[in-house]
Amino acid sequence: MDSDNHTSAGVDPHTVMMFSGHRTASMLKRYHIIALDDLRRAAERGSAYAPGHRAVVTFPMRTRRERAE
């Protein structure tokens, strides 16, 4: 399990840094890649939290490689 998976699982970033050997938060952040599906889930959670508030959320179009997966 890599640091992205630990972070996504909700493990405290400081704990992930100690476990993975990242010495600074900037190193951990540099290698934490956010997937488009994660952004979509975050938007859905935010909409569910404040159902009366309408926000416009846009996402970049998927590349051919992403569509093929």
N, C-alpha and C. Protein backbone atom coordinates (compact mmCIF):
# COMPACT_ATOMS: atom_id res chain seq x y z
N MET A 1 0.86 -1.18 0.00
CA MET A 1 0.00 0.00 0.00
C MET A 1 0.90 1.24 0.00
N ASP A 2 0.71 2.12 -0.97
CA ASP A 2 1.55 3.30 -1.05
C ASP A 2 0.93 4.48 -0.31
N SER A 3 1.63 5.59 -0.30
CA SER A 3 1.17 6.74 0.48
C SER A 3 -0.15 7.29 -0.03
N ASP A 4 -0.41 7.20 -1.35
CA ASP A 4 -1.70 7.66 -1.88
C ASP A 4 -2.85 6.86 -1.28
N ASN A 5 -2.67 5.56 -1.19
CA ASN A 5 -3.73 4.72 -0.63
C ASN A 5 -3.95 5.01 0.84
N HIS A 6 -2.88 5.22 1.59
CA HIS A 6 -3.02 5.55 3.01
C HIS A 6 -3.76 6.87 3.18
N THR A 7 -3.37 7.86 2.40
CA THR A 7 -4.01 9.17 2.48
C THR A 7 -5.48 9.08 2.11
N SER A 8 -5.78 8.33 1.04
CA SER A 8 -7.17 8.17 0.60
C SER A 8 -8.00 7.40 1.63
N ALA A 9 -7.35 6.52 2.38
CA ALA A 9 -8.04 5.74 3.40
C ALA A 9 -8.33 6.56 4.65
N GLY A 10 -7.79 7.78 4.70
CA GLY A 10 -8.09 8.65 5.84
C GLY A 10 -7.03 8.63 6.93
N VAL A 11 -5.88 8.02 6.66
CA VAL A 11 -4.81 8.02 7.65
C VAL A 11 -4.23 9.43 7.74
N ASP A 12 -3.94 9.86 8.95
CA ASP A 12 -3.39 11.19 9.21
C ASP A 12 -2.12 11.40 8.37
N PRO A 13 -2.00 12.53 7.66
CA PRO A 13 -0.83 12.76 6.79
C PRO A 13 0.51 12.64 7.52
N HIS A 14 0.57 13.08 8.77
CA HIS A 14 1.81 12.98 9.53
C HIS A 14 2.19 11.51 9.73
N THR A 15 1.21 10.67 10.00
CA THR A 15 1.45 9.24 10.16
C THR A 15 1.90 8.62 8.85
N VAL A 16 1.29 9.03 7.75
CA VAL A 16 1.68 8.53 6.43
C VAL A 16 3.13 8.92 6.15
N MET A 17 3.51 10.14 6.50
CA MET A 17 4.89 10.60 6.29
C MET A 17 5.87 9.72 7.07
N MET A 18 5.54 9.41 8.30
CA MET A 18 6.43 8.59 9.12
C MET A 18 6.53 7.18 8.55
N PHE A 19 5.42 6.65 8.09
CA PHE A 19 5.38 5.29 7.55
C PHE A 19 6.12 5.19 6.22
N SER A 20 5.94 6.18 5.36
CA SER A 20 6.49 6.11 4.00
C SER A 20 7.91 6.66 3.90
N GLY A 21 8.35 7.39 4.91
CA GLY A 21 9.71 7.94 4.87
C GLY A 21 9.81 9.32 4.26
N HIS A 22 8.68 9.94 3.92
CA HIS A 22 8.72 11.32 3.42
C HIS A 22 9.12 12.22 4.58
N ARG A 23 10.11 13.06 4.34
CA ARG A 23 10.61 13.90 5.43
C ARG A 23 9.84 15.19 5.60
N THR A 24 9.20 15.66 4.54
CA THR A 24 8.44 16.91 4.63
C THR A 24 7.05 16.72 4.04
N ALA A 25 6.16 17.60 4.44
CA ALA A 25 4.79 17.56 3.90
C ALA A 25 4.80 17.86 2.40
N SER A 26 5.73 18.69 1.95
CA SER A 26 5.78 19.02 0.52
C SER A 26 6.16 17.79 -0.30
N MET A 27 7.00 16.91 0.24
CA MET A 27 7.34 15.67 -0.46
C MET A 27 6.10 14.77 -0.58
N LEU A 28 5.36 14.66 0.52
CA LEU A 28 4.15 13.84 0.51
C LEU A 28 3.15 14.40 -0.49
N LYS A 29 2.98 15.72 -0.47
CA LYS A 29 2.03 16.37 -1.37
C LYS A 29 2.45 16.21 -2.84
N ARG A 30 3.73 16.27 -3.11
CA ARG A 30 4.24 16.15 -4.47
C ARG A 30 3.84 14.83 -5.12
N TYR A 31 3.83 13.78 -4.34
CA TYR A 31 3.55 12.46 -4.90
C TYR A 31 2.11 12.02 -4.71
N HIS A 32 1.27 12.85 -4.11
CA HIS A 32 -0.14 12.51 -3.95
C HIS A 32 -0.90 12.99 -5.18
N ILE A 33 -1.25 12.06 -6.05
CA ILE A 33 -1.94 12.36 -7.29
C ILE A 33 -3.44 12.22 -7.04
N ILE A 34 -4.21 13.23 -7.41
CA ILE A 34 -5.66 13.19 -7.20
C ILE A 34 -6.33 12.76 -8.50
N ALA A 35 -7.06 11.67 -8.42
CA ALA A 35 -7.76 11.14 -9.60
C ALA A 35 -9.06 11.92 -9.83
N LEU A 36 -9.50 11.96 -11.07
CA LEU A 36 -10.75 12.65 -11.39
C LEU A 36 -11.93 12.03 -10.66
N ASP A 37 -11.92 10.72 -10.49
CA ASP A 37 -13.01 10.08 -9.75
C ASP A 37 -13.06 10.56 -8.30
N ASP A 38 -11.90 10.82 -7.70
CA ASP A 38 -11.85 11.35 -6.34
C ASP A 38 -12.48 12.75 -6.29
N LEU A 39 -12.20 13.56 -7.32
CA LEU A 39 -12.80 14.90 -7.38
C LEU A 39 -14.32 14.82 -7.52
N ARG A 40 -14.78 13.89 -8.34
CA ARG A 40 -16.23 13.72 -8.52
C ARG A 40 -16.90 13.30 -7.21
N ARG A 41 -16.28 12.34 -6.52
CA ARG A 41 -16.84 11.90 -5.24
C ARG A 41 -16.87 13.04 -4.23
N ALA A 42 -15.83 13.86 -4.21
CA ALA A 42 -15.79 15.00 -3.31
C ALA A 42 -16.91 15.99 -3.64
N ALA A 43 -17.16 16.22 -4.92
CA ALA A 43 -18.24 17.13 -5.32
C ALA A 43 -19.59 16.57 -4.91
N GLU A 44 -19.77 15.25 -5.06
CA GLU A 44 -21.03 14.62 -4.65
C GLU A 44 -21.24 14.74 -3.14
N ARG A 45 -20.18 14.51 -2.37
CA ARG A 45 -20.28 14.63 -0.91
C ARG A 45 -20.62 16.06 -0.51
N GLY A 46 -19.98 17.02 -1.17
CA GLY A 46 -20.26 18.42 -0.87
C GLY A 46 -21.70 18.80 -1.20
N SER A 47 -22.21 18.27 -2.31
CA SER A 47 -23.60 18.55 -2.69
C SER A 47 -24.57 17.91 -1.71
N ALA A 48 -24.24 16.72 -1.23
CA ALA A 48 -25.11 16.03 -0.27
C ALA A 48 -25.09 16.75 1.08
N TYR A 49 -23.97 17.36 1.42
CA TYR A 49 -23.85 18.06 2.70
C TYR A 49 -24.68 19.33 2.72
N ALA A 50 -24.72 20.04 1.62
CA ALA A 50 -25.47 21.29 1.52
C ALA A 50 -26.42 21.19 0.33
N PRO A 51 -27.53 20.42 0.48
CA PRO A 51 -28.41 20.18 -0.66
C PRO A 51 -29.10 21.43 -1.21
N GLY A 52 -29.30 22.44 -0.41
CA GLY A 52 -29.96 23.65 -0.87
C GLY A 52 -29.04 24.57 -1.65
N HIS A 53 -27.76 24.36 -1.55
CA HIS A 53 -26.78 25.21 -2.21
C HIS A 53 -26.38 24.57 -3.52
N ARG A 54 -26.52 25.28 -4.60
CA ARG A 54 -26.17 24.74 -5.92
C ARG A 54 -24.84 25.31 -6.35
N ALA A 55 -23.91 24.42 -6.60
CA ALA A 55 -22.59 24.83 -7.06
C ALA A 55 -22.34 24.21 -8.42
N VAL A 56 -21.66 24.94 -9.26
CA VAL A 56 -21.30 24.42 -10.57
C VAL A 56 -19.90 23.84 -10.47
N VAL A 57 -19.78 22.57 -10.78
CA VAL A 57 -18.49 21.90 -10.72
C VAL A 57 -18.15 21.41 -12.12
N THR A 58 -17.00 21.79 -12.60
CA THR A 58 -16.57 21.33 -13.92
C THR A 58 -15.31 20.50 -13.77
N PHE A 59 -15.15 19.55 -14.66
CA PHE A 59 -13.99 18.69 -14.67
C PHE A 59 -13.39 18.69 -16.06
N PRO A 60 -12.08 18.57 -16.15
CA PRO A 60 -11.48 18.51 -17.47
C PRO A 60 -11.92 17.25 -18.20
N MET A 61 -11.95 17.33 -19.51
CA MET A 61 -12.34 16.16 -20.30
C MET A 61 -11.29 15.07 -20.15
N ARG A 62 -11.73 13.84 -20.21
CA ARG A 62 -10.81 12.72 -20.10
C ARG A 62 -10.00 12.56 -21.38
N THR A 63 -8.77 12.10 -21.22
CA THR A 63 -7.93 11.83 -22.37
C THR A 63 -8.36 10.51 -23.02
N ARG A 64 -7.86 10.23 -24.18
CA ARG A 64 -8.21 8.96 -24.85
C ARG A 64 -7.81 7.77 -23.99
N ARG A 65 -6.66 7.86 -23.35
CA ARG A 65 -6.19 6.76 -22.51
C ARG A 65 -7.15 6.54 -21.34
N GLU A 66 -7.61 7.62 -20.70
CA GLU A 66 -8.55 7.48 -19.59
C GLU A 66 -9.88 6.91 -20.03
N ARG A 67 -10.35 7.32 -21.22
CA ARG A 67 -11.62 6.78 -21.73
C ARG A 67 -11.51 5.31 -22.06
N ALA A 68 -10.34 4.87 -22.49
CA ALA A 68 -10.15 3.47 -22.87
C ALA A 68 -10.09 2.54 -21.66
N GLU A 69 -9.78 3.09 -20.49
CA GLU A 69 -9.65 2.24 -19.30
C GLU A 69 -10.97 1.82 -18.74
